[in-house]
C-alpha atoms as a PDB file:
ATOM      1  CA  MET A   1      69.512 129.505 100.482  1.00  0.00           C
ATOM      2  CA  ASP A   2      67.415 132.747 101.152  1.00  0.00           C
ATOM      3  CA  LEU A   3      68.665 132.890 104.485  1.00  0.00           C
ATOM      4  CA  PHE A   4      72.243 132.401 103.469  1.00  0.00           C
ATOM      5  CA  ARG A   5      72.037 135.218 100.777  1.00  0.00           C
ATOM      6  CA  GLY A   6      70.513 137.423 103.580  1.00  0.00           C
ATOM      7  CA  LEU A   7      73.395 136.480 105.802  1.00  0.00           C
ATOM      8  CA  LYS A   8      75.954 137.496 103.303  1.00  0.00           C
ATOM      9  CA  GLN A   9      74.066 140.843 102.657  1.00  0.00           C
ATOM     10  CA  LEU A  10      74.564 141.475 106.328  1.00  0.00           C
ATOM     11  CA  HIS A  11      78.382 141.302 106.044  1.00  0.00           C
ATOM     12  CA  PRO A  12      79.167 142.350 102.360  1.00  0.00           C
ATOM     13  CA  SER A  13      82.908 142.483 103.052  1.00  0.00           C
ATOM     14  CA  GLY A  14      83.292 139.333 105.159  1.00  0.00           C
ATOM     15  CA  VAL A  15      81.546 136.637 106.881  1.00  0.00           C
ATOM     16  CA  GLU A  16      79.403 136.414 110.080  1.00  0.00           C
ATOM     17  CA  ALA A  17      81.492 134.123 112.522  1.00  0.00           C
ATOM     18  CA  SER A  18      78.701 132.719 114.511  1.00  0.00           C
ATOM     19  CA  GLU A  19      77.133 129.621 115.637  1.00  0.00           C
ATOM     20  CA  ARG A  20      74.098 130.246 113.468  1.00  0.00           C
ATOM     21  CA  ALA A  21      76.234 130.750 110.331  1.00  0.00           C
ATOM     22  CA  LEU A  22      77.879 127.262 111.241  1.00  0.00           C
ATOM     23  CA  SER A  23      74.586 125.689 111.543  1.00  0.00           C
ATOM     24  CA  LEU A  24      73.163 127.172 108.449  1.00  0.00           C
ATOM     25  CA  THR A  25      76.258 126.108 106.371  1.00  0.00           C
ATOM     26  CA  GLN A  26      76.005 122.486 107.670  1.00  0.00           C
ATOM     27  CA  LEU A  27      72.511 122.200 106.788  1.00  0.00           C
ATOM     28  CA  LEU A  28      73.216 123.548 103.225  1.00  0.00           C
ATOM     29  CA  VAL A  29      76.093 121.437 102.564  1.00  0.00           C
ATOM     30  CA  ASN A  30      74.209 118.382 103.608  1.00  0.00           C
ATOM     31  CA  LEU A  31      71.451 119.273 101.013  1.00  0.00           C
ATOM     32  CA  ASN A  32      74.118 119.907  98.400  1.00  0.00           C
ATOM     33  CA  PRO A  33      77.729 118.769  99.195  1.00  0.00           C
ATOM     34  CA  ALA A  34      78.951 120.131  95.746  1.00  0.00           C
ATOM     35  CA  ASN A  35      78.124 123.835  96.673  1.00  0.00           C
ATOM     36  CA  TYR A  36      81.546 125.269  96.874  1.00  0.00           C
ATOM     37  CA  SER A  37      80.322 128.903  97.870  1.00  0.00           C
ATOM     38  CA  ILE A  38      78.950 127.336 100.955  1.00  0.00           C
ATOM     39  CA  TRP A  39      82.131 125.390 101.880  1.00  0.00           C
ATOM     40  CA  GLN A  40      84.206 128.517 101.304  1.00  0.00           C
ATOM     41  CA  TYR A  41      82.032 130.515 103.543  1.00  0.00           C
ATOM     42  CA  ARG A  42      81.971 127.867 106.236  1.00  0.00           C
ATOM     43  CA  ALA A  43      85.752 127.571 106.169  1.00  0.00           C
ATOM     44  CA  GLN A  44      86.188 131.439 106.564  1.00  0.00           C
ATOM     45  CA  VAL A  45      83.608 131.124 109.548  1.00  0.00           C
ATOM     46  CA  LEU A  46      85.476 128.392 111.239  1.00  0.00           C
ATOM     47  CA  ILE A  47      88.940 130.160 110.735  1.00  0.00           C
ATOM     48  CA  GLU A  48      87.544 133.365 112.290  1.00  0.00           C
ATOM     49  CA  LEU A  49      85.904 131.499 115.241  1.00  0.00           C
ATOM     50  CA  SER A  50      88.896 129.575 116.025  1.00  0.00           C
ATOM     51  CA  ALA A  51      91.049 132.596 115.816  1.00  0.00           C
ATOM     52  CA  SER A  52      89.000 134.221 118.721  1.00  0.00           C
ATOM     53  CA  GLY A  53      88.616 131.062 120.794  1.00  0.00           C
ATOM     54  CA  PRO A  54      89.959 127.586 121.276  1.00  0.00           C
ATOM     55  CA  ASN A  55      91.523 126.682 117.969  1.00  0.00           C
ATOM     56  CA  SER A  56      91.956 122.917 117.906  1.00  0.00           C
ATOM     57  CA  ASP A  57      88.533 121.783 119.454  1.00  0.00           C
ATOM     58  CA  ARG A  58      86.339 123.509 116.884  1.00  0.00           C
ATOM     59  CA  LEU A  59      88.472 122.586 113.841  1.00  0.00           C
ATOM     60  CA  LEU A  60      88.847 118.874 115.047  1.00  0.00           C
ATOM     61  CA  LYS A  61      85.137 118.659 115.407  1.00  0.00           C
ATOM     62  CA  GLU A  62      84.949 119.834 111.756  1.00  0.00           C
ATOM     63  CA  LEU A  63      87.302 116.921 110.793  1.00  0.00           C
ATOM     64  CA  ASP A  64      84.944 114.532 112.427  1.00  0.00           C
ATOM     65  CA  PHE A  65      82.137 115.973 110.410  1.00  0.00           C
ATOM     66  CA  LEU A  66      84.325 115.574 107.248  1.00  0.00           C
ATOM     67  CA  ASP A  67      85.214 111.991 108.167  1.00  0.00           C
ATOM     68  CA  GLU A  68      81.757 111.085 107.859  1.00  0.00           C
ATOM     69  CA  SER A  69      80.879 113.434 104.739  1.00  0.00           C
ATOM     70  CA  ALA A  70      83.695 111.905 102.820  1.00  0.00           C
ATOM     71  CA  LYS A  71      82.428 108.504 102.865  1.00  0.00           C
ATOM     72  CA  TYR A  72      79.271 109.456 101.021  1.00  0.00           C
ATOM     73  CA  ASN A  73      80.709 112.242  98.860  1.00  0.00           C
ATOM     74  CA  MET A  74      84.146 110.897  97.981  1.00  0.00           C
ATOM     75  CA  LYS A  75      84.228 112.420  94.360  1.00  0.00           C
ATOM     76  CA  ASN A  76      83.387 115.703  95.589  1.00  0.00           C
ATOM     77  CA  TYR A  77      86.192 118.374  95.043  1.00  0.00           C
ATOM     78  CA  GLN A  78      84.803 120.682  97.617  1.00  0.00           C
ATOM     79  CA  ILE A  79      85.067 118.447 100.682  1.00  0.00           C
ATOM     80  CA  TRP A  80      88.717 117.486  99.936  1.00  0.00           C
ATOM     81  CA  GLN A  81      89.612 121.232  99.415  1.00  0.00           C
ATOM     82  CA  HIS A  82      87.802 122.121 102.554  1.00  0.00           C
ATOM     83  CA  ARG A  83      89.821 119.524 104.646  1.00  0.00           C
ATOM     84  CA  LYS A  84      92.910 120.739 103.195  1.00  0.00           C
ATOM     85  CA  ILE A  85      92.133 124.285 104.328  1.00  0.00           C
ATOM     86  CA  LEU A  86      91.389 123.338 107.800  1.00  0.00           C
ATOM     87  CA  VAL A  87      94.346 120.882 108.308  1.00  0.00           C
ATOM     88  CA  SER A  88      96.714 123.626 106.989  1.00  0.00           C
ATOM     89  CA  VAL A  89      95.402 125.902 109.723  1.00  0.00           C
ATOM     90  CA  LEU A  90      95.753 123.233 112.329  1.00  0.00           C
ATOM     91  CA  GLY A  91      99.360 122.351 111.119  1.00  0.00           C
ATOM     92  CA  ASP A  92      98.566 118.807 112.300  1.00  0.00           C
ATOM     93  CA  PRO A  93      98.680 115.724 109.922  1.00  0.00           C
ATOM     94  CA  SER A  94      98.360 113.153 112.663  1.00  0.00           C
ATOM     95  CA  ARG A  95      95.261 111.668 111.645  1.00  0.00           C
ATOM     96  CA  GLU A  96      95.237 112.202 107.750  1.00  0.00           C
ATOM     97  CA  LEU A  97      97.112 109.005 106.603  1.00  0.00           C
ATOM     98  CA  ALA A  98      94.761 106.918 108.646  1.00  0.00           C
ATOM     99  CA  PHE A  99      91.768 108.886 107.259  1.00  0.00           C
ATOM    100  CA  THR A 100      92.904 108.347 103.626  1.00  0.00           C
ATOM    101  CA  LYS A 101      93.582 104.553 104.055  1.00  0.00           C
ATOM    102  CA  ALA A 102      90.124 104.198 105.600  1.00  0.00           C
ATOM    103  CA  ASN A 103      88.690 105.787 102.593  1.00  0.00           C
ATOM    104  CA  LEU A 104      90.870 103.805 100.086  1.00  0.00           C
ATOM    105  CA  GLN A 105      89.242 100.808 101.691  1.00  0.00           C
ATOM    106  CA  LEU A 106      85.911 102.049 100.377  1.00  0.00           C
ATOM    107  CA  ASP A 107      87.397 102.968  97.019  1.00  0.00           C
ATOM    108  CA  MET A 108      90.825 101.977  96.145  1.00  0.00           C
ATOM    109  CA  LYS A 109      91.217 103.936  93.006  1.00  0.00           C
ATOM    110  CA  ASN A 110      89.567 107.283  94.118  1.00  0.00           C
ATOM    111  CA  TYR A 111      91.643 110.002  92.480  1.00  0.00           C
ATOM    112  CA  HIS A 112      90.730 112.576  95.260  1.00  0.00           C
ATOM    113  CA  THR A 113      91.828 110.406  98.082  1.00  0.00           C
ATOM    114  CA  TRP A 114      95.209 109.651  96.498  1.00  0.00           C
ATOM    115  CA  ALA A 115      95.871 113.298  95.511  1.00  0.00           C
ATOM    116  CA  TYR A 116      94.999 114.464  99.064  1.00  0.00           C
ATOM    117  CA  ARG A 117      97.384 111.917 100.588  1.00  0.00           C
ATOM    118  CA  GLN A 118     100.022 112.973  98.281  1.00  0.00           C
ATOM    119  CA  TRP A 119      99.390 116.584  99.227  1.00  0.00           C
ATOM    120  CA  VAL A 120      99.605 115.706 102.978  1.00  0.00           C
ATOM    121  CA  LEU A 121     102.948 113.869 102.324  1.00  0.00           C
ATOM    122  CA  ALA A 122     104.399 116.716 100.357  1.00  0.00           C
ATOM    123  CA  TYR A 123     103.048 119.643 102.545  1.00  0.00           C
ATOM    124  CA  PHE A 124     103.818 118.207 106.153  1.00  0.00           C
ATOM    125  CA  GLY A 125     106.398 115.486 105.149  1.00  0.00           C
ATOM    126  CA  GLY A 126     108.509 117.871 102.796  1.00  0.00           C
ATOM    127  CA  THR A 127     109.917 117.148  99.369  1.00  0.00           C
ATOM    128  CA  HIS A 128     113.488 116.897  98.352  1.00  0.00           C
ATOM    129  CA  GLU A 129     115.258 120.421  98.203  1.00  0.00           C
ATOM    130  CA  SER A 130     111.751 122.102  98.524  1.00  0.00           C
ATOM    131  CA  LYS A 131     111.650 125.413 100.326  1.00  0.00           C
ATOM    132  CA  GLN A 132     108.647 125.205 102.655  1.00  0.00           C
ATOM    133  CA  ASN A 133     107.239 128.555 104.043  1.00  0.00           C
ATOM    134  CA  GLU A 134     108.137 128.400 107.771  1.00  0.00           C
ATOM    135  CA  SER A 135     105.231 130.836 108.428  1.00  0.00           C
ATOM    136  CA  LEU A 136     102.776 128.058 107.545  1.00  0.00           C
ATOM    137  CA  PRO A 137     102.069 125.644 110.573  1.00  0.00           C
ATOM    138  CA  GLY A 138     103.560 122.260 110.122  1.00  0.00           C
ATOM    139  CA  ALA A 139     104.815 122.766 106.637  1.00  0.00           C
ATOM    140  CA  GLY A 140     107.849 120.353 106.055  1.00  0.00           C
ATOM    141  CA  GLN A 141     107.910 119.551 109.937  1.00  0.00           C
ATOM    142  CA  TYR A 142     106.903 115.998 109.575  1.00  0.00           C
ATOM    143  CA  PRO A 143     109.351 114.155 107.456  1.00  0.00           C
ATOM    144  CA  GLU A 144     108.595 110.785 109.165  1.00  0.00           C
ATOM    145  CA  LEU A 145     105.378 110.632 107.233  1.00  0.00           C
ATOM    146  CA  TRP A 146     107.322 109.142 104.354  1.00  0.00           C
ATOM    147  CA  ASP A 147     108.760 106.321 106.237  1.00  0.00           C
ATOM    148  CA  GLY A 148     106.054 103.766 105.776  1.00  0.00           C
ATOM    149  CA  GLU A 149     104.580 104.980 102.616  1.00  0.00           C
ATOM    150  CA  LEU A 150     106.480 102.475 100.453  1.00  0.00           C
ATOM    151  CA  ASP A 151     105.176  99.650 102.284  1.00  0.00           C
ATOM    152  CA  PHE A 152     101.562 101.109 102.065  1.00  0.00           C
ATOM    153  CA  ALA A 153     101.820 101.337  98.305  1.00  0.00           C
ATOM    154  CA  ASP A 154     102.976  97.830  98.113  1.00  0.00           C
ATOM    155  CA  GLU A 155     100.069  96.809 100.532  1.00  0.00           C
ATOM    156  CA  MET A 156      97.699  98.269  98.264  1.00  0.00           C
ATOM    157  CA  ILE A 157      99.144  96.656  95.169  1.00  0.00           C
ATOM    158  CA  GLN A 158      99.015  93.316  96.925  1.00  0.00           C
ATOM    159  CA  GLU A 159      95.276  93.721  97.699  1.00  0.00           C
ATOM    160  CA  ASP A 160      94.632  94.509  94.017  1.00  0.00           C
ATOM    161  CA  ILE A 161      97.440  94.102  91.622  1.00  0.00           C
ATOM    162  CA  ARG A 162      95.613  96.115  89.033  1.00  0.00           C
ATOM    163  CA  ASN A 163      95.430  99.114  90.912  1.00  0.00           C
ATOM    164  CA  ASN A 164      97.048 101.500  88.567  1.00  0.00           C
ATOM    165  CA  SER A 165      96.741 104.393  91.342  1.00  0.00           C
ATOM    166  CA  ALA A 166      98.704 102.497  93.663  1.00  0.00           C
ATOM    167  CA  TYR A 167     101.579 101.983  91.156  1.00  0.00           C
ATOM    168  CA  ASN A 168     101.308 105.726  90.698  1.00  0.00           C
ATOM    169  CA  HIS A 169     101.585 106.289  94.366  1.00  0.00           C
ATOM    170  CA  ARG A 170     104.620 104.008  94.514  1.00  0.00           C
ATOM    171  CA  TRP A 171     106.366 106.186  91.736  1.00  0.00           C
ATOM    172  CA  TYR A 172     105.690 109.333  93.528  1.00  0.00           C
ATOM    173  CA  CYS A 173     107.344 107.946  96.753  1.00  0.00           C
ATOM    174  CA  ILE A 174     110.549 106.697  95.038  1.00  0.00           C
ATOM    175  CA  PHE A 175     111.067 109.231  92.114  1.00  0.00           C
ATOM    176  CA  GLY A 176     108.194 111.775  91.948  1.00  0.00           C
ATOM    177  CA  ARG A 177     108.726 113.844  94.999  1.00  0.00           C
ATOM    178  CA  TYR A 178     112.188 114.670  94.002  1.00  0.00           C
ATOM    179  CA  SER A 179     112.060 117.657  91.906  1.00  0.00           C
ATOM    180  CA  LYS A 180     116.075 117.676  91.884  1.00  0.00           C
ATOM    181  CA  ARG A 181     117.847 114.477  92.360  1.00  0.00           C
ATOM    182  CA  GLY A 182     120.879 116.258  93.766  1.00  0.00           C
ATOM    183  CA  GLU A 183     122.937 113.682  96.055  1.00  0.00           C
ATOM    184  CA  LEU A 184     120.277 110.935  95.230  1.00  0.00           C
ATOM    185  CA  ASP A 185     122.015 110.582  91.805  1.00  0.00           C
ATOM    186  CA  VAL A 186     124.378 108.038  92.913  1.00  0.00           C
ATOM    187  CA  ALA A 187     121.590 105.678  94.296  1.00  0.00           C
ATOM    188  CA  LEU A 188     119.091 106.350  91.687  1.00  0.00           C
ATOM    189  CA  GLU A 189     120.261 103.442  89.391  1.00  0.00           C
ATOM    190  CA  THR A 190     120.047 100.988  92.225  1.00  0.00           C
ATOM    191  CA  LYS A 191     116.575 102.094  93.240  1.00  0.00           C
ATOM    192  CA  ARG A 192     115.449 101.800  89.424  1.00  0.00           C
ATOM    193  CA  GLU A 193     117.122  98.246  89.117  1.00  0.00           C
ATOM    194  CA  LYS A 194     115.130  97.092  92.225  1.00  0.00           C
ATOM    195  CA  GLU A 195     111.909  98.586  90.904  1.00  0.00           C
ATOM    196  CA  ILE A 196     112.404  96.868  87.665  1.00  0.00           C
ATOM    197  CA  GLN A 197     112.649  93.504  89.517  1.00  0.00           C
ATOM    198  CA  TYR A 198     109.603  94.299  91.584  1.00  0.00           C
ATOM    199  CA  THR A 199     107.646  95.121  88.380  1.00  0.00           C
ATOM    200  CA  LEU A 200     108.665  92.183  86.584  1.00  0.00           C
ATOM    201  CA  ASP A 201     107.405  89.978  89.399  1.00  0.00           C
ATOM    202  CA  LYS A 202     104.023  91.678  89.153  1.00  0.00           C
ATOM    203  CA  ILE A 203     104.041  91.266  85.344  1.00  0.00           C
ATOM    204  CA  ALA A 204     104.648  87.491  86.098  1.00  0.00           C
ATOM    205  CA  GLN A 205     101.538  87.351  88.404  1.00  0.00           C
ATOM    206  CA  ALA A 206      99.218  88.967  86.039  1.00  0.00           C
ATOM    207  CA  PRO A 207     100.809  89.325  82.439  1.00  0.00           C
ATOM    208  CA  ASN A 208      97.601  90.965  80.841  1.00  0.00           C
ATOM    209  CA  ASN A 209      97.547  93.731  83.621  1.00  0.00           C
ATOM    210  CA  ALA A 210      98.320  97.123  82.078  1.00  0.00           C
ATOM    211  CA  SER A 211      99.618  98.677  85.371  1.00  0.00           C
ATOM    212  CA  PRO A 212     103.061  97.100  85.873  1.00  0.00           C
ATOM    213  CA  TRP A 213     103.725  97.464  82.193  1.00  0.00           C
ATOM    214  CA  ASN A 214     103.036 101.042  82.278  1.00  0.00           C
ATOM    215  CA  TYR A 215     105.104 101.302  85.371  1.00  0.00           C
ATOM    216  CA  LEU A 216     108.020  99.541  83.740  1.00  0.00           C
ATOM    217  CA  ARG A 217     107.902 101.849  80.679  1.00  0.00           C
ATOM    218  CA  GLY A 218     108.348 104.720  83.174  1.00  0.00           C
ATOM    219  CA  LEU A 219     111.408 103.204  84.735  1.00  0.00           C
ATOM    220  CA  PHE A 220     112.920 102.784  81.294  1.00  0.00           C
ATOM    221  CA  THR A 221     112.062 106.098  79.678  1.00  0.00           C
ATOM    222  CA  ALA A 222     111.282 108.747  82.495  1.00  0.00           C
ATOM    223  CA  ILE A 223     114.465 108.570  84.293  1.00  0.00           C
ATOM    224  CA  GLU A 224     117.978 109.684  82.911  1.00  0.00           C
ATOM    225  CA  PRO A 225     119.837 107.876  81.595  1.00  0.00           C
ATOM    226  CA  LYS A 226     117.106 106.033  79.584  1.00  0.00           C
ATOM    227  CA  LYS A 227     117.336 102.266  79.386  1.00  0.00           C
ATOM    228  CA  PRO A 228     117.010 100.560  76.016  1.00  0.00           C
ATOM    229  CA  PHE A 229     113.886  98.445  75.736  1.00  0.00           C
ATOM    230  CA  GLU A 230     116.090  95.679  74.133  1.00  0.00           C
ATOM    231  CA  ALA A 231     117.311  94.803  77.630  1.00  0.00           C
ATOM    232  CA  LEU A 232     114.240  92.786  78.327  1.00  0.00           C
ATOM    233  CA  ASP A 233     113.342  91.368  74.846  1.00  0.00           C
ATOM    234  CA  LYS A 234     114.498  87.811  75.524  1.00  0.00           C
ATOM    235  CA  LEU A 235     112.548  87.809  78.766  1.00  0.00           C
ATOM    236  CA  PHE A 236     109.391  88.876  77.124  1.00  0.00           C
ATOM    237  CA  HIS A 237     109.516  86.308  74.345  1.00  0.00           C
ATOM    238  CA  ALA A 238     108.166  83.886  76.910  1.00  0.00           C
ATOM    239  CA  TYR A 239     104.786  85.774  76.994  1.00  0.00           C
ATOM    240  CA  LEU A 240     104.376  85.067  73.309  1.00  0.00           C
ATOM    241  CA  SER A 241     102.516  82.138  71.685  1.00  0.00           C
ATOM    242  CA  GLU A 242     105.047  81.827  69.098  1.00  0.00           C
ATOM    243  CA  PRO A 243     108.482  83.493  68.947  1.00  0.00           C
ATOM    244  CA  ASN A 244     108.721  83.789  65.237  1.00  0.00           C
ATOM    245  CA  HIS A 245     106.841  87.001  64.208  1.00  0.00           C
ATOM    246  CA  GLN A 246     106.729  86.092  60.633  1.00  0.00           C
ATOM    247  CA  GLN A 247     105.157  82.717  61.158  1.00  0.00           C
ATOM    248  CA  ALA A 248     102.719  84.226  63.860  1.00  0.00           C
ATOM    249  CA  ALA A 249     101.792  87.096  61.692  1.00  0.00           C
ATOM    250  CA  GLN A 250     100.123  84.660  58.907  1.00  0.00           C
ATOM    251  CA  SER A 251      97.490  83.270  61.231  1.00  0.00           C
ATOM    252  CA  ALA A 252      95.362  85.194  63.596  1.00  0.00           C
ATOM    253  CA  GLU A 253      94.528  82.068  65.578  1.00  0.00           C
ATOM    254  CA  ILE A 254      98.167  82.134  66.989  1.00  0.00           C
ATOM    255  CA  ASP A 255      97.829  85.314  68.820  1.00  0.00           C
ATOM    256  CA  ALA A 256      93.918  85.691  69.234  1.00  0.00           C
ATOM    257  CA  ASN A 257      91.812  85.030  72.334  1.00  0.00           C
ATOM    258  CA  GLY A 258      94.522  85.649  74.962  1.00  0.00           C
ATOM    259  CA  ARG A 259      97.085  83.383  73.598  1.00  0.00           C
ATOM    260  CA  THR A 260      99.745  86.187  73.419  1.00  0.00           C
ATOM    261  CA  VAL A 261     100.112  88.876  75.739  1.00  0.00           C
ATOM    262  CA  PRO A 262      99.627  92.391  73.726  1.00  0.00           C
ATOM    263  CA  TYR A 263     101.837  94.192  76.190  1.00  0.00           C
ATOM    264  CA  ALA A 264     104.757  92.007  75.572  1.00  0.00           C
ATOM    265  CA  LEU A 265     104.260  92.327  71.963  1.00  0.00           C
ATOM    266  CA  GLU A 266     104.110  96.106  72.300  1.00  0.00           C
ATOM    267  CA  TRP A 267     107.335  96.226  74.205  1.00  0.00           C
ATOM    268  CA  LEU A 268     109.217  94.167  71.641  1.00  0.00           C
ATOM    269  CA  LEU A 269     107.646  96.462  68.804  1.00  0.00           C
ATOM    270  CA  ASP A 270     109.076  99.605  70.504  1.00  0.00           C
ATOM    271  CA  SER A 271     112.279  97.973  71.100  1.00  0.00           C
ATOM    272  CA  GLN A 272     112.650  97.200  67.307  1.00  0.00           C
ATOM    273  CA  LEU A 273     111.480 100.838  66.475  1.00  0.00           C
ATOM    274  CA  GLU A 274     113.968 102.235  69.046  1.00  0.00           C
ATOM    275  CA  GLN A 275     116.735 100.284  67.327  1.00  0.00           C
ATOM    276  CA  LEU A 276     115.423 101.221  63.915  1.00  0.00           C
ATOM    277  CA  GLU A 277     116.071 105.005  64.880  1.00  0.00           C
ATOM    278  CA  ASN A 278     119.692 104.327  64.883  1.00  0.00           C
ATOM    279  CA  LEU A 279     119.833 102.078  61.845  1.00  0.00           C
ATOM    280  CA  PRO A 280     116.897 103.434  59.667  1.00  0.00           C
ATOM    281  CA  ASP A 281     118.268 101.397  56.443  1.00  0.00           C
ATOM    282  CA  ASN A 282     117.812  98.076  58.215  1.00  0.00           C
ATOM    283  CA  HIS A 283     115.158  96.637  55.881  1.00  0.00           C
ATOM    284  CA  SER A 284     114.849  93.296  57.799  1.00  0.00           C
ATOM    285  CA  ARG A 285     114.072  95.108  61.092  1.00  0.00           C
ATOM    286  CA  VAL A 286     111.402  97.270  59.378  1.00  0.00           C
ATOM    287  CA  GLN A 287     109.819  94.033  58.105  1.00  0.00           C
ATOM    288  CA  ASP A 288     109.900  92.458  61.532  1.00  0.00           C
ATOM    289  CA  CYS A 289     108.057  95.684  62.950  1.00  0.00           C
ATOM    290  CA  ARG A 290     105.549  95.005  60.067  1.00  0.00           C
ATOM    291  CA  TYR A 291     104.985  91.457  61.412  1.00  0.00           C
ATOM    292  CA  ILE A 292     104.481  92.691  64.913  1.00  0.00           C
ATOM    293  CA  PHE A 293     101.927  95.130  63.968  1.00  0.00           C
ATOM    294  CA  GLN A 294     100.074  92.392  62.207  1.00  0.00           C
ATOM    295  CA  ARG A 295     100.309  90.317  65.468  1.00  0.00           C
ATOM    296  CA  LEU A 296      99.025  93.022  67.586  1.00  0.00           C
ATOM    297  CA  ARG A 297      95.992  93.545  65.384  1.00  0.00           C
ATOM    298  CA  HIS A 298      95.319  89.852  66.196  1.00  0.00           C
ATOM    299  CA  ALA A 299      96.211  89.922  69.830  1.00  0.00           C
ATOM    300  CA  ASP A 300      94.696  93.378  70.472  1.00  0.00           C
ATOM    301  CA  PRO A 301      91.822  93.845  68.094  1.00  0.00           C
ATOM    302  CA  ALA A 302      90.166  96.502  70.156  1.00  0.00           C
ATOM    303  CA  ARG A 303      93.066  98.747  69.153  1.00  0.00           C
ATOM    304  CA  TRP A 304      93.092  97.553  65.541  1.00  0.00           C
ATOM    305  CA  LYS A 305      92.993 101.035  63.997  1.00  0.00           C
ATOM    306  CA  TYR A 306      95.586 102.319  66.525  1.00  0.00           C
ATOM    307  CA  TRP A 307      98.008  99.814  65.317  1.00  0.00           C
ATOM    308  CA  GLN A 308      97.184 100.516  61.918  1.00  0.00           C
ATOM    309  CA  TYR A 309      97.925 104.070  62.486  1.00  0.00           C
ATOM    310  CA  ARG A 310     101.255 103.390  64.399  1.00  0.00           C
ATOM    311  CA  GLU A 311     102.334 101.329  61.451  1.00  0.00           C
ATOM    312  CA  SER A 312     101.590 104.021  58.896  1.00  0.00           C
ATOM    313  CA  GLU A 313     103.613 106.401  60.877  1.00  0.00           C
ATOM    314  CA  MET A 314     106.631 104.057  61.002  1.00  0.00           C
ATOM    315  CA  GLN A 315     106.473 103.758  57.194  1.00  0.00           C
ATOM    316  CA  ARG A 316     106.451 107.487  56.829  1.00  0.00           C
ATOM    317  CA  TYR A 317     109.447 107.833  59.109  1.00  0.00           C
ATOM    318  CA  TYR A 318     111.151 104.860  57.304  1.00  0.00           C
ATOM    319  CA  ASP A 319     110.366 106.665  53.857  1.00  0.00           C
ATOM    320  CA  ARG A 320     111.575 110.139  54.685  1.00  0.00           C
ATOM    321  CA  GLU A 321     114.782 108.787  56.183  1.00  0.00           C
ATOM    322  CA  HIS A 322     115.431 106.699  53.054  1.00  0.00           C
ATOM    323  CA  VAL A 323     114.867 109.726  50.823  1.00  0.00           C
ATOM    324  CA  GLU A 324     116.961 112.003  52.786  1.00  0.00           C
ATOM    325  CA  LYS A 325     119.939 109.458  52.728  1.00  0.00           C
ATOM    326  CA  GLN A 326     119.623 109.077  48.954  1.00  0.00           C
ATOM    327  CA  SER A 327     119.681 112.980  48.606  1.00  0.00           C
END
């Protein structure tokens, strides 16, 4: 580090674009891969050297170096940012999808790997109605990168049906990358219905897996027009040990120890609450909600206090609506 500080003092307004600077920074990042100052200096050296000589060879060798470094420092922000800078300068994403796939085989839920893959797709593949800066090499020039991405997300889900990151990526590929729907509005409902069926199949395979339940909620609430939870009520009764809420609420044994899927109960609860918003004076529905809250405390004891809080919030809402109507 003393040598590095001396190198910086020699060039207070820039960097020393030399082989010795590269050698020194490589030694230092190997000693401490989290030192962002060294990575930043190294990137500047590489860019200046490539500008005065053969561009791709030097930068491609750096990517080779990062291929290995990422395996052992996958949760290091600096390595991913450094790679992003170099690939942007190169303007060539040809090896990036294969690189991220190889890293995901080592850690299938690594946030940095998924985020980097989505950046590659958005930057080089382009997003709907995005205005890419034409002065940046490769920006938006590889729309074909998106072609196999849905199959890739499905492959990752098949390998691990509980991989919430893969569900997130699937959402990004189908819906998230479209900042404005434009002409896609016509096909959006068809896509949503197809995804609902896909997700219901995943729920059937592993009912106690939170990932597809969260994905399904997104399909119902994050896309306009929203779909009512009630549409799936009858289907999700099959995941309950006892369909009668009043009877089940009276005995903890009916829903305890995995006999009932908590996510199905939660869906039915939110369906009731959604309908209650339209008919706040429906006393029988309020009582049904209380029964479901009691069942959730039995089926999902780890969140006992959360369900207790949710029930108190429902009661406050119900009392307020009742008072306002009387006044």
